[in-house]
C-alpha atoms as a PDB file:
ATOM      1  CA  UNK A   1       0.000   0.000   0.000  1.00  0.00           C
ATOM      2  CA  UNK A   2       2.863   2.363   0.714  1.00  0.00           C
ATOM      3  CA  UNK A   3       4.282   1.637  -2.708  1.00  0.00           C
ATOM      4  CA  UNK A   4       0.870   2.306  -4.276  1.00  0.00           C
ATOM      5  CA  UNK A   5       0.694   5.625  -2.411  1.00  0.00           C
ATOM      6  CA  UNK A   6       4.127   6.613  -3.695  1.00  0.00           C
ATOM      7  CA  UNK A   7       3.234   5.685  -7.277  1.00  0.00           C
ATOM      8  CA  UNK A   8      -0.079   7.572  -7.136  1.00  0.00           C
ATOM      9  CA  UNK A   9       1.557  10.712  -5.774  1.00  0.00           C
ATOM     10  CA  UNK A  10       4.474  10.495  -8.199  1.00  0.00           C
ATOM     11  CA  UNK A  11       2.196  10.174 -11.232  1.00  0.00           C
ATOM     12  CA  UNK A  12       0.166  13.128  -9.998  1.00  0.00           C
ATOM     13  CA  UNK A  13       3.277  15.289  -9.643  1.00  0.00           C
ATOM     14  CA  UNK A  14       4.678  14.234 -13.011  1.00  0.00           C
ATOM     15  CA  UNK A  15       1.398  14.873 -14.818  1.00  0.00           C
ATOM     16  CA  UNK A  16       0.967  18.253 -13.153  1.00  0.00           C
ATOM     17  CA  UNK A  17       4.457  19.647 -13.731  1.00  0.00           C
ATOM     18  CA  UNK A  18       5.596  17.868 -16.899  1.00  0.00           C
ATOM     19  CA  UNK A  19       2.372  17.687 -18.907  1.00  0.00           C
ATOM     20  CA  UNK A  20       0.569  20.633 -17.255  1.00  0.00           C
ATOM     21  CA  UNK A  21      -2.523  18.460 -16.853  1.00  0.00           C
ATOM     22  CA  UNK A  22      -3.372  17.388 -13.304  1.00  0.00           C
ATOM     23  CA  UNK A  23      -4.833  13.933 -12.818  1.00  0.00           C
ATOM     24  CA  UNK A  24      -7.684  13.178 -10.477  1.00  0.00           C
ATOM     25  CA  UNK A  25      -5.296  11.182  -8.309  1.00  0.00           C
ATOM     26  CA  UNK A  26      -5.368  13.502  -5.292  1.00  0.00           C
ATOM     27  CA  UNK A  27      -8.581  11.962  -3.966  1.00  0.00           C
ATOM     28  CA  UNK A  28      -7.250   8.449  -4.478  1.00  0.00           C
ATOM     29  CA  UNK A  29      -4.026   9.346  -2.688  1.00  0.00           C
ATOM     30  CA  UNK A  30      -6.039  10.721   0.243  1.00  0.00           C
ATOM     31  CA  UNK A  31      -8.119   7.557   0.481  1.00  0.00           C
ATOM     32  CA  UNK A  32      -5.061   5.302   0.344  1.00  0.00           C
ATOM     33  CA  UNK A  33      -3.393   7.417   3.035  1.00  0.00           C
ATOM     34  CA  UNK A  34      -6.440   7.078   5.307  1.00  0.00           C
ATOM     35  CA  UNK A  35      -6.440   3.315   4.809  1.00  0.00           C
ATOM     36  CA  UNK A  36      -2.739   3.204   5.684  1.00  0.00           C
ATOM     37  CA  UNK A  37      -3.394   5.170   8.867  1.00  0.00           C
ATOM     38  CA  UNK A  38      -6.244   2.874   9.921  1.00  0.00           C
ATOM     39  CA  UNK A  39      -4.229  -0.285   9.189  1.00  0.00           C
ATOM     40  CA  UNK A  40      -1.301   1.144  11.140  1.00  0.00           C
ATOM     41  CA  UNK A  41      -3.508   1.946  14.111  1.00  0.00           C
ATOM     42  CA  UNK A  42      -5.033  -1.543  14.087  1.00  0.00           C
ATOM     43  CA  UNK A  43      -1.626  -3.222  13.894  1.00  0.00           C
ATOM     44  CA  UNK A  44      -0.242  -1.041  16.692  1.00  0.00           C
ATOM     45  CA  UNK A  45      -3.265  -1.797  18.882  1.00  0.00           C
ATOM     46  CA  UNK A  46      -2.854  -5.536  18.282  1.00  0.00           C
ATOM     47  CA  UNK A  47       0.855  -5.349  19.173  1.00  0.00           C
ATOM     48  CA  UNK A  48      -0.024  -3.271  22.266  1.00  0.00           C
ATOM     49  CA  UNK A  49       2.190  -0.414  21.085  1.00  0.00           C
ATOM     50  CA  UNK A  50      -0.561   2.058  20.253  1.00  0.00           C
ATOM     51  CA  UNK A  51      -0.372   5.502  21.832  1.00  0.00           C
ATOM     52  CA  UNK A  52      -2.628   5.775  24.865  1.00  0.00           C
ATOM     53  CA  UNK A  53      -2.910   7.444  28.212  1.00  0.00           C
ATOM     54  CA  UNK A  54      -0.586   5.379  30.411  1.00  0.00           C
ATOM     55  CA  UNK A  55       0.900   7.935  32.777  1.00  0.00           C
ATOM     56  CA  UNK A  56      -1.424   7.113  35.682  1.00  0.00           C
ATOM     57  CA  UNK A  57      -1.842   3.402  34.939  1.00  0.00           C
ATOM     58  CA  UNK A  58       1.909   2.787  35.120  1.00  0.00           C
ATOM     59  CA  UNK A  59       1.932   3.760  38.783  1.00  0.00           C
ATOM     60  CA  UNK A  60      -1.151   1.685  39.694  1.00  0.00           C
ATOM     61  CA  UNK A  61      -1.216  -2.016  40.456  1.00  0.00           C
ATOM     62  CA  UNK A  62      -3.714  -4.842  40.476  1.00  0.00           C
ATOM     63  CA  UNK A  63      -7.355  -4.119  39.757  1.00  0.00           C
ATOM     64  CA  UNK A  64      -6.824  -0.363  39.587  1.00  0.00           C
ATOM     65  CA  UNK A  65      -4.280  -0.825  36.809  1.00  0.00           C
ATOM     66  CA  UNK A  66      -6.675  -3.082  34.909  1.00  0.00           C
ATOM     67  CA  UNK A  67      -9.494  -0.542  35.172  1.00  0.00           C
ATOM     68  CA  UNK A  68      -7.198   2.301  34.091  1.00  0.00           C
ATOM     69  CA  UNK A  69      -5.966   0.269  31.111  1.00  0.00           C
ATOM     70  CA  UNK A  70      -9.560  -0.249  29.959  1.00  0.00           C
ATOM     71  CA  UNK A  71     -10.315   3.452  30.436  1.00  0.00           C
ATOM     72  CA  UNK A  72      -7.173   4.392  28.495  1.00  0.00           C
ATOM     73  CA  UNK A  73      -8.633   2.587  25.480  1.00  0.00           C
ATOM     74  CA  UNK A  74     -12.332   3.341  26.030  1.00  0.00           C
ATOM     75  CA  UNK A  75     -12.110   7.116  26.469  1.00  0.00           C
ATOM     76  CA  UNK A  76     -10.457   7.874  23.095  1.00  0.00           C
ATOM     77  CA  UNK A  77     -12.806   5.402  21.405  1.00  0.00           C
ATOM     78  CA  UNK A  78     -15.814   7.175  22.885  1.00  0.00           C
ATOM     79  CA  UNK A  79     -14.561  10.502  21.528  1.00  0.00           C
ATOM     80  CA  UNK A  80     -14.091   8.934  18.108  1.00  0.00           C
ATOM     81  CA  UNK A  81     -17.622   7.507  18.093  1.00  0.00           C
ATOM     82  CA  UNK A  82     -19.220  10.774  19.204  1.00  0.00           C
ATOM     83  CA  UNK A  83     -17.936  12.601  16.125  1.00  0.00           C
END
């Protein structure tokens, strides 16, 4: 997908500056970029390396840590769903 993104953007730049005719590839490049971002977020979440609020949960232990870990994932998800 990254290679496809590079090719799409490169053809858009070449057509715009060399042939003076822009292609309609900007929308496609935007869509591919969004897909890359979503795949990256899903992979990071699966590997447990996704950015989240861990400052407080690192100092907690036991059940409190477990609850804070769930909140660290649930709160950003709730903001995403509300918009």
